[in-house]
Each structure stands twice: as structure tokens, then as C-alpha cells.
Protein backbone atom coordinates (compact mmCIF):
# COMPACT_ATOMS: atom_id res chain seq x y z
CA UNK A 1 127.15 -62.81 107.85
CA UNK A 2 126.87 -66.83 106.22
CA UNK A 3 124.43 -65.27 103.97
CA UNK A 4 126.45 -62.51 102.79
CA UNK A 5 128.95 -65.90 101.79
CA UNK A 6 126.42 -67.32 100.09
CA UNK A 7 125.05 -64.51 98.37
CA UNK A 8 128.57 -64.03 97.19
CA UNK A 9 129.68 -67.64 95.98
CA UNK A 10 125.68 -67.66 94.37
CA UNK A 11 126.46 -64.87 92.36
CA UNK A 12 130.15 -66.13 91.52
CA UNK A 13 128.83 -69.16 90.07
CA UNK A 14 126.20 -67.31 88.26
CA UNK A 15 129.07 -65.80 85.59
CA UNK A 16 129.79 -68.16 82.48
CA UNK A 17 133.20 -69.02 82.57
CA UNK A 18 135.70 -67.42 80.07
CA UNK A 19 138.17 -69.97 79.34
CA UNK A 20 141.12 -69.46 77.15
CA UNK A 21 140.81 -70.19 73.30
CA UNK A 22 143.04 -73.16 72.41
CA UNK A 23 145.78 -72.28 69.80
CA UNK A 24 147.53 -74.74 67.66
CA UNK A 25 151.07 -74.70 68.56
CA UNK A 26 153.83 -76.19 66.37
CA UNK A 27 155.03 -79.58 67.97
CA UNK A 28 158.15 -81.55 68.34
CA UNK A 29 156.89 -83.98 66.07
CA UNK A 30 156.30 -81.68 63.54
CA UNK A 31 159.11 -79.85 63.77
CA UNK A 32 161.25 -82.96 63.74
CA UNK A 33 159.28 -84.18 60.82
CA UNK A 34 159.96 -80.92 58.93
CA UNK A 35 163.62 -81.27 59.71
CA UNK A 36 164.21 -84.55 58.84
CA UNK A 37 162.50 -84.14 55.22
CA UNK A 38 164.67 -80.93 54.14
CA UNK A 39 167.70 -83.05 55.10
CA UNK A 40 166.72 -85.79 52.91
CA UNK A 41 165.57 -83.80 49.86
CA UNK A 42 169.38 -81.59 50.25
CA UNK A 43 170.98 -85.44 50.48
CA UNK A 44 168.79 -86.60 47.20
CA UNK A 45 170.19 -83.68 45.32
CA UNK A 46 173.69 -83.21 46.85
CA UNK A 47 173.37 -80.16 49.18
CA UNK A 48 174.31 -79.33 52.01
CA UNK A 49 172.29 -76.89 54.19
CA UNK A 50 171.35 -75.58 57.37
CA UNK A 51 167.78 -75.59 58.70
CA UNK A 52 166.28 -74.38 61.94
CA UNK A 53 163.14 -74.19 62.76
CA UNK A 54 160.98 -72.05 64.81
CA UNK A 55 158.05 -71.55 66.86
CA UNK A 56 155.50 -68.77 66.40
CA UNK A 57 157.08 -66.92 68.85
CA UNK A 58 160.44 -67.48 66.86
CA UNK A 59 161.81 -69.72 69.81
CA UNK A 60 163.85 -72.97 68.30
CA UNK A 61 161.94 -75.60 67.86
CA UNK A 62 164.86 -77.68 66.15
CA UNK A 63 167.58 -77.90 63.51
CA UNK A 64 170.22 -79.51 61.34
CA UNK A 65 173.60 -78.23 60.60
CA UNK A 66 174.79 -80.49 57.76
CA UNK A 67 178.52 -81.79 57.88
CA UNK A 68 180.39 -79.21 55.42
CA UNK A 69 178.37 -76.39 55.31
CA UNK A 70 179.58 -72.57 55.91
CA UNK A 71 179.30 -71.25 59.94
CA UNK A 72 177.51 -68.36 58.56
CA UNK A 73 175.03 -70.35 57.33
CA UNK A 74 173.59 -71.16 60.77
CA UNK A 75 173.30 -67.58 61.19
CA UNK A 76 172.02 -66.74 57.84
CA UNK A 77 169.54 -69.55 58.92
CA UNK A 78 167.93 -68.65 61.83
CA UNK A 79 167.36 -64.78 60.47
CA UNK A 80 165.74 -66.59 57.46
CA UNK A 81 163.25 -68.55 59.93
CA UNK A 82 163.07 -65.43 62.25
CA UNK A 83 161.69 -63.01 59.91
CA UNK A 84 159.16 -65.70 58.00
CA UNK A 85 158.05 -66.80 61.88
CA UNK A 86 157.52 -63.19 63.29
CA UNK A 87 156.35 -61.92 59.95
CA UNK A 88 154.03 -64.78 58.69
CA UNK A 89 155.40 -64.82 54.91
CA UNK A 90 158.23 -65.81 53.00
CA UNK A 91 161.28 -64.08 53.14
CA UNK A 92 161.08 -63.93 49.35
CA UNK A 93 158.30 -61.37 49.59
CA UNK A 94 161.00 -58.55 51.75
CA UNK A 95 162.54 -57.87 47.73
CA UNK A 96 159.49 -55.99 46.89
CA UNK A 97 158.08 -55.14 50.91
CA UNK A 98 160.83 -54.80 53.41
CA UNK A 99 160.64 -55.34 57.20
CA UNK A 100 160.39 -51.94 59.13
CA UNK A 101 163.94 -50.28 59.13
CA UNK A 102 165.63 -51.36 62.25
CA UNK A 103 164.02 -54.69 62.99
CA UNK A 104 166.85 -57.04 64.03
CA UNK A 105 167.88 -60.75 62.95
CA UNK A 106 165.92 -61.10 59.85
CA UNK A 107 166.89 -61.69 56.30
CA UNK A 108 165.01 -60.80 53.52
CA UNK A 109 166.43 -63.28 50.63
CA UNK A 110 164.74 -66.47 49.56
CA UNK A 111 164.61 -69.40 52.08
CA UNK A 112 162.50 -68.06 55.08
CA UNK A 113 159.30 -70.16 54.78
CA UNK A 114 156.27 -69.89 57.38
CA UNK A 115 154.39 -72.76 58.95
CA UNK A 116 150.58 -72.51 58.71
CA UNK A 117 148.10 -74.71 60.00
CA UNK A 118 145.19 -75.64 56.71
CA UNK A 119 143.24 -73.56 58.86
CA UNK A 120 145.47 -70.60 58.52
CA UNK A 121 147.28 -70.38 62.14
CA UNK A 122 150.60 -69.55 61.90
CA UNK A 123 152.87 -71.63 64.12
CA UNK A 124 156.07 -70.61 63.08
CA UNK A 125 159.16 -70.23 60.49
CA UNK A 126 161.64 -72.38 58.65
CA UNK A 127 165.07 -70.56 57.14
CA UNK A 128 167.64 -72.69 55.17
CA UNK A 129 170.65 -71.64 54.26
CA UNK A 130 173.41 -73.79 51.78
CA UNK A 131 171.75 -73.86 48.33
CA UNK A 132 170.91 -71.37 45.68
CA UNK A 133 167.91 -69.00 47.42
CA UNK A 134 165.27 -71.14 45.53
CA UNK A 135 166.64 -73.92 46.52
CA UNK A 136 166.56 -72.98 50.33
CA UNK A 137 162.49 -71.86 49.84
CA UNK A 138 162.37 -75.22 48.30
CA UNK A 139 163.72 -77.33 50.75
CA UNK A 140 161.83 -75.88 53.73
CA UNK A 141 158.14 -76.13 51.49
CA UNK A 142 159.29 -79.73 51.05
CA UNK A 143 159.51 -80.29 55.07
CA UNK A 144 156.51 -78.10 55.73
CA UNK A 145 154.16 -79.78 53.30
CA UNK A 146 155.83 -83.27 54.58
CA UNK A 147 154.53 -82.52 58.19
CA UNK A 148 150.92 -81.94 56.42
CA UNK A 149 151.41 -78.51 56.94
CA UNK A 150 151.40 -75.42 54.67
CA UNK A 151 153.86 -72.74 53.86
CA UNK A 152 151.67 -69.95 53.19
CA UNK A 153 148.48 -68.46 54.13
CA UNK A 154 145.37 -70.22 53.19
CA UNK A 155 143.09 -68.46 50.80
CA UNK A 156 139.86 -68.32 53.28
CA UNK A 157 136.46 -68.66 51.23
CA UNK A 158 134.35 -65.67 50.77
CA UNK A 159 131.69 -65.77 53.44
């Protein structure tokens, strides 16, 4: 009996261990940098905005709702962030190629921007509402870049 256990144990230990591949994730410090930079960007321009930062699973990491913004702004910012996080592209792109019909909580207007690592890993999305659509998108991009991340999937060199 001990020989069988020893042989089984030897076979199990001889197999190479398959570990889960590590995947970067959006951490709170980066999300807070995105949030704080966007708030400062808006304040410097006399704007009042709502912004939401979501991780790659479209779960909230942080948000800011500046004094004086519309009550609907928070919901619109969430829709924009949700679309950017789930589809990995800016919501401005949805005007040309909309998401599939029936996808809930997705905005197809500028202001939703994906968050990528410089290596091209999607980390989540930022949604901003309260300014002109171009301002919303610029605010989100400024925050993402301040965190050392990129607001678009980097083009990978040809191999």
C-alpha cells in the first residue's frame, strides 16, 4: 500500500505546475489619480463634472460628483464608463459602430474612455459627464495619462 501511495505521489510531483498567468488590475491609487486629475482639469476650466472610474469588470473603483452638477450626470457618467470598460474603446467610436442592440447601461456619446496599460492590457474605463462631449473625453484622457496609463489600446509593433 505504501508503494502505491509513493508511486502516486511521485507522479503528481513530477507534473509541471500550471500557474495562473498574472494579469494587471486597476488599483485604487491609479484610479484616484485619474479622478483627482480630472477634477483639477475641470476646475481649471470652470467646469463642473461627474466622473466614474470602473475596473475591467465594470465595477466602480472611485467617483467624484462635483458640486452643482446635474443629478442625471452621475448616471450618464456611469453609462459612459461602463461602455468603455466593457468594450475597450472610447464611446465616441460608438457613433460609427454602435454596441449590439439591447446592451444595457451603455452611452454612445463622447466622454467614455478605456484605460489601458502601455502593454495594451485593458484595465477599465472612465466616464465623465457635465461638459461638452469633447471636454468630457479630454478630462478622462488627462486623468488616465496622469496615472501613467493610456486612453487607447497601444498599437503593437509588427513581428
